[in-house]
Amino acid sequence: MQQNLIFQFPLYWYSSPSLLKKWIDEVIIYGWAYGSKGKRIFYNRKLGLAISAGVKKGEFTSMGKNKHTLTQMLTPFKSLCA
């Protein structure tokens, strides 16, 4: 049985809010969630991100104001389930 992981948050300064970052840092720890002796609890799960950015869609392109796509900005979240 595969369980999915979904985060919903507003994009603050190209990242998640500090409280979500703190949760990730304190819950997804080495030796428990990952690492040579970790359980790899998020390994191979599907990750869903529901994000509000407060900008026009075109701003997250290589030619837009941010010079990167939203997918590129959110690459670190992909690593949680790798």
PDB file of N, CA and C in Angstrom:
ATOM      1  N   MET A   1       0.845  -1.179   0.000  1.00  0.00           N
ATOM      2  CA  MET A   1       0.000   0.000   0.000  1.00  0.00           C
ATOM      3  C   MET A   1       0.892   1.244   0.000  1.00  0.00           C
ATOM      4  N   GLN A   2       0.730   2.041  -1.012  1.00  0.00           N
ATOM      5  CA  GLN A   2       1.524   3.267  -1.110  1.00  0.00           C
ATOM      6  C   GLN A   2       0.740   4.439  -0.546  1.00  0.00           C
ATOM      7  N   GLN A   3       1.400   5.203   0.288  1.00  0.00           N
ATOM      8  CA  GLN A   3       0.798   6.418   0.816  1.00  0.00           C
ATOM      9  C   GLN A   3       1.482   7.606   0.175  1.00  0.00           C
ATOM     10  N   ASN A   4       0.713   8.614  -0.092  1.00  0.00           N
ATOM     11  CA  ASN A   4       1.245   9.816  -0.712  1.00  0.00           C
ATOM     12  C   ASN A   4       1.529  10.875   0.338  1.00  0.00           C
ATOM     13  N   LEU A   5       2.398  11.804  -0.019  1.00  0.00           N
ATOM     14  CA  LEU A   5       2.759  12.912   0.851  1.00  0.00           C
ATOM     15  C   LEU A   5       2.353  14.196   0.145  1.00  0.00           C
ATOM     16  N   ILE A   6       1.538  15.016   0.805  1.00  0.00           N
ATOM     17  CA  ILE A   6       1.061  16.260   0.201  1.00  0.00           C
ATOM     18  C   ILE A   6       1.354  17.419   1.149  1.00  0.00           C
ATOM     19  N   PHE A   7       2.000  18.437   0.603  1.00  0.00           N
ATOM     20  CA  PHE A   7       2.238  19.673   1.343  1.00  0.00           C
ATOM     21  C   PHE A   7       1.456  20.785   0.662  1.00  0.00           C
ATOM     22  N   GLN A   8       0.798  21.604   1.448  1.00  0.00           N
ATOM     23  CA  GLN A   8       0.087  22.771   0.921  1.00  0.00           C
ATOM     24  C   GLN A   8       0.595  23.993   1.675  1.00  0.00           C
ATOM     25  N   PHE A   9       1.092  24.975   0.905  1.00  0.00           N
ATOM     26  CA  PHE A   9       1.652  26.160   1.550  1.00  0.00           C
ATOM     27  C   PHE A   9       1.787  27.303   0.557  1.00  0.00           C
ATOM     28  N   PRO A  10       1.864  28.530   1.071  1.00  0.00           N
ATOM     29  CA  PRO A  10       2.178  29.673   0.211  1.00  0.00           C
ATOM     30  C   PRO A  10       3.694  29.729   0.008  1.00  0.00           C
ATOM     31  N   LEU A  11       4.105  30.159  -1.148  1.00  0.00           N
ATOM     32  CA  LEU A  11       5.529  30.285  -1.445  1.00  0.00           C
ATOM     33  C   LEU A  11       6.051  31.593  -0.860  1.00  0.00           C
ATOM     34  N   TYR A  12       6.963  31.491   0.093  1.00  0.00           N
ATOM     35  CA  TYR A  12       7.582  32.662   0.720  1.00  0.00           C
ATOM     36  C   TYR A  12       9.053  32.699   0.344  1.00  0.00           C
ATOM     37  N   TRP A  13       9.481  33.739  -0.336  1.00  0.00           N
ATOM     38  CA  TRP A  13      10.882  33.895  -0.706  1.00  0.00           C
ATOM     39  C   TRP A  13      11.453  32.618  -1.310  1.00  0.00           C
ATOM     40  N   TYR A  14      10.709  32.061  -2.257  1.00  0.00           N
ATOM     41  CA  TYR A  14      11.143  30.896  -3.042  1.00  0.00           C
ATOM     42  C   TYR A  14      11.251  29.619  -2.225  1.00  0.00           C
ATOM     43  N   SER A  15      10.547  29.527  -1.137  1.00  0.00           N
ATOM     44  CA  SER A  15      10.588  28.335  -0.303  1.00  0.00           C
ATOM     45  C   SER A  15       9.287  28.216   0.489  1.00  0.00           C
ATOM     46  N   SER A  16       9.249  27.233   1.351  1.00  0.00           N
ATOM     47  CA  SER A  16       8.086  27.041   2.215  1.00  0.00           C
ATOM     48  C   SER A  16       8.170  27.984   3.413  1.00  0.00           C
ATOM     49  N   PRO A  17       7.053  28.195   4.100  1.00  0.00           N
ATOM     50  CA  PRO A  17       7.082  28.995   5.327  1.00  0.00           C
ATOM     51  C   PRO A  17       7.999  28.348   6.376  1.00  0.00           C
ATOM     52  N   SER A  18       8.499  29.150   7.269  1.00  0.00           N
ATOM     53  CA  SER A  18       9.476  28.668   8.249  1.00  0.00           C
ATOM     54  C   SER A  18       8.935  27.548   9.137  1.00  0.00           C
ATOM     55  N   LEU A  19       7.657  27.554   9.436  1.00  0.00           N
ATOM     56  CA  LEU A  19       7.100  26.504  10.290  1.00  0.00           C
ATOM     57  C   LEU A  19       7.121  25.143   9.593  1.00  0.00           C
ATOM     58  N   LEU A  20       6.849  25.108   8.289  1.00  0.00           N
ATOM     59  CA  LEU A  20       6.944  23.848   7.548  1.00  0.00           C
ATOM     60  C   LEU A  20       8.400  23.400   7.470  1.00  0.00           C
ATOM     61  N   LYS A  21       9.305  24.325   7.232  1.00  0.00           N
ATOM     62  CA  LYS A  21      10.734  23.992   7.202  1.00  0.00           C
ATOM     63  C   LYS A  21      11.175  23.425   8.539  1.00  0.00           C
ATOM     64  N   LYS A  22      10.719  24.012   9.625  1.00  0.00           N
ATOM     65  CA  LYS A  22      11.057  23.521  10.965  1.00  0.00           C
ATOM     66  C   LYS A  22      10.513  22.106  11.165  1.00  0.00           C
ATOM     67  N   TRP A  23       9.286  21.852  10.718  1.00  0.00           N
ATOM     68  CA  TRP A  23       8.699  20.524  10.842  1.00  0.00           C
ATOM     69  C   TRP A  23       9.533  19.507  10.068  1.00  0.00           C
ATOM     70  N   ILE A  24       9.898  19.853   8.848  1.00  0.00           N
ATOM     71  CA  ILE A  24      10.726  18.950   8.042  1.00  0.00           C
ATOM     72  C   ILE A  24      12.049  18.674   8.748  1.00  0.00           C
ATOM     73  N   ASP A  25      12.681  19.709   9.267  1.00  0.00           N
ATOM     74  CA  ASP A  25      13.972  19.552   9.945  1.00  0.00           C
ATOM     75  C   ASP A  25      13.878  18.703  11.207  1.00  0.00           C
ATOM     76  N   GLU A  26      12.763  18.788  11.916  1.00  0.00           N
ATOM     77  CA  GLU A  26      12.638  18.070  13.186  1.00  0.00           C
ATOM     78  C   GLU A  26      12.017  16.686  13.052  1.00  0.00           C
ATOM     79  N   VAL A  27      11.234  16.455  12.020  1.00  0.00           N
ATOM     80  CA  VAL A  27      10.559  15.163  11.863  1.00  0.00           C
ATOM     81  C   VAL A  27      11.311  14.237  10.912  1.00  0.00           C
ATOM     82  N   ILE A  28      11.757  14.774   9.813  1.00  0.00           N
ATOM     83  CA  ILE A  28      12.445  13.950   8.818  1.00  0.00           C
ATOM     84  C   ILE A  28      13.935  13.982   9.149  1.00  0.00           C
ATOM     85  N   ILE A  29      14.327  13.176  10.126  1.00  0.00           N
ATOM     86  CA  ILE A  29      15.694  13.227  10.631  1.00  0.00           C
ATOM     87  C   ILE A  29      16.518  12.022  10.182  1.00  0.00           C
ATOM     88  N   TYR A  30      17.817  12.241  10.124  1.00  0.00           N
ATOM     89  CA  TYR A  30      18.766  11.195   9.749  1.00  0.00           C
ATOM     90  C   TYR A  30      18.690  10.053  10.758  1.00  0.00           C
ATOM     91  N   GLY A  31      18.716   8.845  10.252  1.00  0.00           N
ATOM     92  CA  GLY A  31      18.661   7.680  11.123  1.00  0.00           C
ATOM     93  C   GLY A  31      17.251   7.190  11.380  1.00  0.00           C
ATOM     94  N   TRP A  32      16.272   8.029  11.111  1.00  0.00           N
ATOM     95  CA  TRP A  32      14.875   7.607  11.248  1.00  0.00           C
ATOM     96  C   TRP A  32      14.197   7.609   9.886  1.00  0.00           C
ATOM     97  N   ALA A  33      14.184   8.739   9.228  1.00  0.00           N
ATOM     98  CA  ALA A  33      13.501   8.846   7.942  1.00  0.00           C
ATOM     99  C   ALA A  33      14.419   8.542   6.766  1.00  0.00           C
ATOM    100  N   TYR A  34      15.706   8.655   6.952  1.00  0.00           N
ATOM    101  CA  TYR A  34      16.649   8.375   5.869  1.00  0.00           C
ATOM    102  C   TYR A  34      18.015   8.068   6.463  1.00  0.00           C
ATOM    103  N   GLY A  35      18.946   7.696   5.616  1.00  0.00           N
ATOM    104  CA  GLY A  35      20.290   7.352   6.065  1.00  0.00           C
ATOM    105  C   GLY A  35      20.506   5.856   6.020  1.00  0.00           C
ATOM    106  N   SER A  36      21.722   5.435   6.298  1.00  0.00           N
ATOM    107  CA  SER A  36      22.065   4.013   6.180  1.00  0.00           C
ATOM    108  C   SER A  36      21.252   3.129   7.124  1.00  0.00           C
ATOM    109  N   LYS A  37      20.832   3.653   8.255  1.00  0.00           N
ATOM    110  CA  LYS A  37      20.026   2.869   9.197  1.00  0.00           C
ATOM    111  C   LYS A  37      18.599   3.387   9.310  1.00  0.00           C
ATOM    112  N   GLY A  38      18.268   4.341   8.468  1.00  0.00           N
ATOM    113  CA  GLY A  38      16.925   4.915   8.490  1.00  0.00           C
ATOM    114  C   GLY A  38      15.903   4.015   7.815  1.00  0.00           C
ATOM    115  N   LYS A  39      14.654   4.256   8.095  1.00  0.00           N
ATOM    116  CA  LYS A  39      13.563   3.450   7.550  1.00  0.00           C
ATOM    117  C   LYS A  39      13.152   3.863   6.145  1.00  0.00           C
ATOM    118  N   ARG A  40      13.671   5.001   5.672  1.00  0.00           N
ATOM    119  CA  ARG A  40      13.323   5.529   4.351  1.00  0.00           C
ATOM    120  C   ARG A  40      11.800   5.601   4.208  1.00  0.00           C
ATOM    121  N   ILE A  41      11.156   6.203   5.176  1.00  0.00           N
ATOM    122  CA  ILE A  41       9.696   6.201   5.230  1.00  0.00           C
ATOM    123  C   ILE A  41       9.028   6.924   4.071  1.00  0.00           C
ATOM    124  N   PHE A  42       9.732   7.836   3.420  1.00  0.00           N
ATOM    125  CA  PHE A  42       9.145   8.554   2.297  1.00  0.00           C
ATOM    126  C   PHE A  42       9.648   8.038   0.954  1.00  0.00           C
ATOM    127  N   TYR A  43      10.500   7.024   0.961  1.00  0.00           N
ATOM    128  CA  TYR A  43      11.091   6.515  -0.270  1.00  0.00           C
ATOM    129  C   TYR A  43      10.024   6.035  -1.248  1.00  0.00           C
ATOM    130  N   ASN A  44      10.152   6.476  -2.475  1.00  0.00           N
ATOM    131  CA  ASN A  44       9.307   6.027  -3.580  1.00  0.00           C
ATOM    132  C   ASN A  44       7.821   6.360  -3.390  1.00  0.00           C
ATOM    133  N   ARG A  45       7.522   7.360  -2.625  1.00  0.00           N
ATOM    134  CA  ARG A  45       6.138   7.813  -2.484  1.00  0.00           C
ATOM    135  C   ARG A  45       5.900   8.973  -3.423  1.00  0.00           C
ATOM    136  N   LYS A  46       4.668   9.187  -3.751  1.00  0.00           N
ATOM    137  CA  LYS A  46       4.329  10.325  -4.598  1.00  0.00           C
ATOM    138  C   LYS A  46       4.197  11.563  -3.728  1.00  0.00           C
ATOM    139  N   LEU A  47       4.804  12.646  -4.199  1.00  0.00           N
ATOM    140  CA  LEU A  47       4.765  13.909  -3.477  1.00  0.00           C
ATOM    141  C   LEU A  47       3.889  14.883  -4.241  1.00  0.00           C
ATOM    142  N   GLY A  48       2.932  15.469  -3.554  1.00  0.00           N
ATOM    143  CA  GLY A  48       2.086  16.496  -4.149  1.00  0.00           C
ATOM    144  C   GLY A  48       2.319  17.820  -3.444  1.00  0.00           C
ATOM    145  N   LEU A  49       2.431  18.878  -4.224  1.00  0.00           N
ATOM    146  CA  LEU A  49       2.610  20.212  -3.661  1.00  0.00           C
ATOM    147  C   LEU A  49       1.472  21.093  -4.143  1.00  0.00           C
ATOM    148  N   ALA A  50       0.721  21.658  -3.222  1.00  0.00           N
ATOM    149  CA  ALA A  50      -0.350  22.607  -3.537  1.00  0.00           C
ATOM    150  C   ALA A  50       0.137  23.966  -3.047  1.00  0.00           C
ATOM    151  N   ILE A  51       0.533  24.807  -3.991  1.00  0.00           N
ATOM    152  CA  ILE A  51       1.232  26.038  -3.636  1.00  0.00           C
ATOM    153  C   ILE A  51       0.532  27.254  -4.207  1.00  0.00           C
ATOM    154  N   SER A  52       0.473  28.295  -3.398  1.00  0.00           N
ATOM    155  CA  SER A  52       0.036  29.597  -3.905  1.00  0.00           C
ATOM    156  C   SER A  52       1.261  30.506  -3.902  1.00  0.00           C
ATOM    157  N   ALA A  53       1.440  31.228  -5.019  1.00  0.00           N
ATOM    158  CA  ALA A  53       2.639  32.055  -5.146  1.00  0.00           C
ATOM    159  C   ALA A  53       2.327  33.544  -5.198  1.00  0.00           C
ATOM    160  N   GLY A  54       1.110  33.908  -5.513  1.00  0.00           N
ATOM    161  CA  GLY A  54       0.738  35.315  -5.530  1.00  0.00           C
ATOM    162  C   GLY A  54       1.326  36.116  -6.675  1.00  0.00           C
ATOM    163  N   VAL A  55       1.700  35.430  -7.754  1.00  0.00           N
ATOM    164  CA  VAL A  55       2.240  36.114  -8.932  1.00  0.00           C
ATOM    165  C   VAL A  55       1.601  35.525 -10.186  1.00  0.00           C
ATOM    166  N   LYS A  56       1.780  36.199 -11.293  1.00  0.00           N
ATOM    167  CA  LYS A  56       1.274  35.684 -12.558  1.00  0.00           C
ATOM    168  C   LYS A  56       2.091  34.468 -12.976  1.00  0.00           C
ATOM    169  N   LYS A  57       1.431  33.528 -13.641  1.00  0.00           N
ATOM    170  CA  LYS A  57       2.066  32.280 -14.047  1.00  0.00           C
ATOM    171  C   LYS A  57       3.337  32.521 -14.867  1.00  0.00           C
ATOM    172  N   GLY A  58       3.337  33.509 -15.725  1.00  0.00           N
ATOM    173  CA  GLY A  58       4.474  33.787 -16.591  1.00  0.00           C
ATOM    174  C   GLY A  58       5.737  34.235 -15.876  1.00  0.00           C
ATOM    175  N   GLU A  59       5.618  34.606 -14.610  1.00  0.00           N
ATOM    176  CA  GLU A  59       6.801  35.051 -13.870  1.00  0.00           C
ATOM    177  C   GLU A  59       7.719  33.898 -13.487  1.00  0.00           C
ATOM    178  N   PHE A  60       7.189  32.677 -13.457  1.00  0.00           N
ATOM    179  CA  PHE A  60       8.006  31.503 -13.163  1.00  0.00           C
ATOM    180  C   PHE A  60       8.349  30.769 -14.450  1.00  0.00           C
ATOM    181  N   THR A  61       9.113  31.428 -15.312  1.00  0.00           N
ATOM    182  CA  THR A  61       9.653  30.838 -16.535  1.00  0.00           C
ATOM    183  C   THR A  61      11.102  31.297 -16.658  1.00  0.00           C
ATOM    184  N   SER A  62      11.840  30.676 -17.554  1.00  0.00           N
ATOM    185  CA  SER A  62      13.242  31.078 -17.731  1.00  0.00           C
ATOM    186  C   SER A  62      13.355  32.503 -18.255  1.00  0.00           C
ATOM    187  N   MET A  63      12.307  32.998 -18.894  1.00  0.00           N
ATOM    188  CA  MET A  63      12.312  34.363 -19.414  1.00  0.00           C
ATOM    189  C   MET A  63      11.546  35.331 -18.510  1.00  0.00           C
ATOM    190  N   GLY A  64      10.926  34.821 -17.472  1.00  0.00           N
ATOM    191  CA  GLY A  64      10.115  35.655 -16.583  1.00  0.00           C
ATOM    192  C   GLY A  64      10.938  36.383 -15.534  1.00  0.00           C
ATOM    193  N   LYS A  65      10.233  37.061 -14.667  1.00  0.00           N
ATOM    194  CA  LYS A  65      10.857  37.870 -13.614  1.00  0.00           C
ATOM    195  C   LYS A  65      11.783  37.051 -12.709  1.00  0.00           C
ATOM    196  N   ASN A  66      11.398  35.811 -12.409  1.00  0.00           N
ATOM    197  CA  ASN A  66      12.175  34.983 -11.480  1.00  0.00           C
ATOM    198  C   ASN A  66      13.288  34.177 -12.147  1.00  0.00           C
ATOM    199  N   LYS A  67      13.297  34.118 -13.478  1.00  0.00           N
ATOM    200  CA  LYS A  67      14.340  33.431 -14.269  1.00  0.00           C
ATOM    201  C   LYS A  67      14.417  31.923 -14.054  1.00  0.00           C
ATOM    202  N   HIS A  68      13.462  31.366 -13.349  1.00  0.00           N
ATOM    203  CA  HIS A  68      13.406  29.919 -13.122  1.00  0.00           C
ATOM    204  C   HIS A  68      11.947  29.488 -13.133  1.00  0.00           C
ATOM    205  N   THR A  69      11.720  28.233 -13.480  1.00  0.00           N
ATOM    206  CA  THR A  69      10.357  27.712 -13.427  1.00  0.00           C
ATOM    207  C   THR A  69      10.016  27.369 -11.979  1.00  0.00           C
ATOM    208  N   LEU A  70       8.739  27.242 -11.711  1.00  0.00           N
ATOM    209  CA  LEU A  70       8.308  26.859 -10.368  1.00  0.00           C
ATOM    210  C   LEU A  70       8.817  25.452 -10.045  1.00  0.00           C
ATOM    211  N   THR A  71       8.851  24.585 -11.036  1.00  0.00           N
ATOM    212  CA  THR A  71       9.382  23.233 -10.839  1.00  0.00           C
ATOM    213  C   THR A  71      10.837  23.285 -10.388  1.00  0.00           C
ATOM    214  N   GLN A  72      11.626  24.153 -10.994  1.00  0.00           N
ATOM    215  CA  GLN A  72      13.024  24.298 -10.583  1.00  0.00           C
ATOM    216  C   GLN A  72      13.129  24.827  -9.152  1.00  0.00           C
ATOM    217  N   MET A  73      12.282  25.758  -8.807  1.00  0.00           N
ATOM    218  CA  MET A  73      12.312  26.333  -7.459  1.00  0.00           C
ATOM    219  C   MET A  73      11.987  25.289  -6.389  1.00  0.00           C
ATOM    220  N   LEU A  74      11.175  24.312  -6.757  1.00  0.00           N
ATOM    221  CA  LEU A  74      10.696  23.336  -5.782  1.00  0.00           C
ATOM    222  C   LEU A  74      11.471  22.021  -5.817  1.00  0.00           C
ATOM    223  N   THR A  75      12.580  21.985  -6.536  1.00  0.00           N
ATOM    224  CA  THR A  75      13.387  20.772  -6.651  1.00  0.00           C
ATOM    225  C   THR A  75      13.760  20.158  -5.299  1.00  0.00           C
ATOM    226  N   PRO A  76      14.113  20.924  -4.270  1.00  0.00           N
ATOM    227  CA  PRO A  76      14.470  20.300  -2.986  1.00  0.00           C
ATOM    228  C   PRO A  76      13.363  19.410  -2.409  1.00  0.00           C
ATOM    229  N   PHE A  77      12.120  19.717  -2.686  1.00  0.00           N
ATOM    230  CA  PHE A  77      11.029  18.890  -2.166  1.00  0.00           C
ATOM    231  C   PHE A  77      11.006  17.512  -2.819  1.00  0.00           C
ATOM    232  N   LYS A  78      11.458  17.419  -4.066  1.00  0.00           N
ATOM    233  CA  LYS A  78      11.520  16.117  -4.744  1.00  0.00           C
ATOM    234  C   LYS A  78      12.456  15.166  -4.006  1.00  0.00           C
ATOM    235  N   SER A  79      13.481  15.704  -3.400  1.00  0.00           N
ATOM    236  CA  SER A  79      14.467  14.876  -2.702  1.00  0.00           C
ATOM    237  C   SER A  79      13.884  14.167  -1.484  1.00  0.00           C
ATOM    238  N   LEU A  80      12.792  14.653  -0.952  1.00  0.00           N
ATOM    239  CA  LEU A  80      12.177  14.010   0.212  1.00  0.00           C
ATOM    240  C   LEU A  80      11.718  12.594  -0.093  1.00  0.00           C
ATOM    241  N   CYS A  81      11.321  12.348  -1.329  1.00  0.00           N
ATOM    242  CA  CYS A  81      10.767  11.041  -1.694  1.00  0.00           C
ATOM    243  C   CYS A  81      11.694  10.248  -2.615  1.00  0.00           C
ATOM    244  N   ALA A  82      12.916  10.660  -2.723  1.00  0.00           N
ATOM    245  CA  ALA A  82      13.856   9.965  -3.623  1.00  0.00           C
ATOM    246  C   ALA A  82      14.484   8.767  -2.946  1.00  0.00           C
TER     247      ALA A  82
END
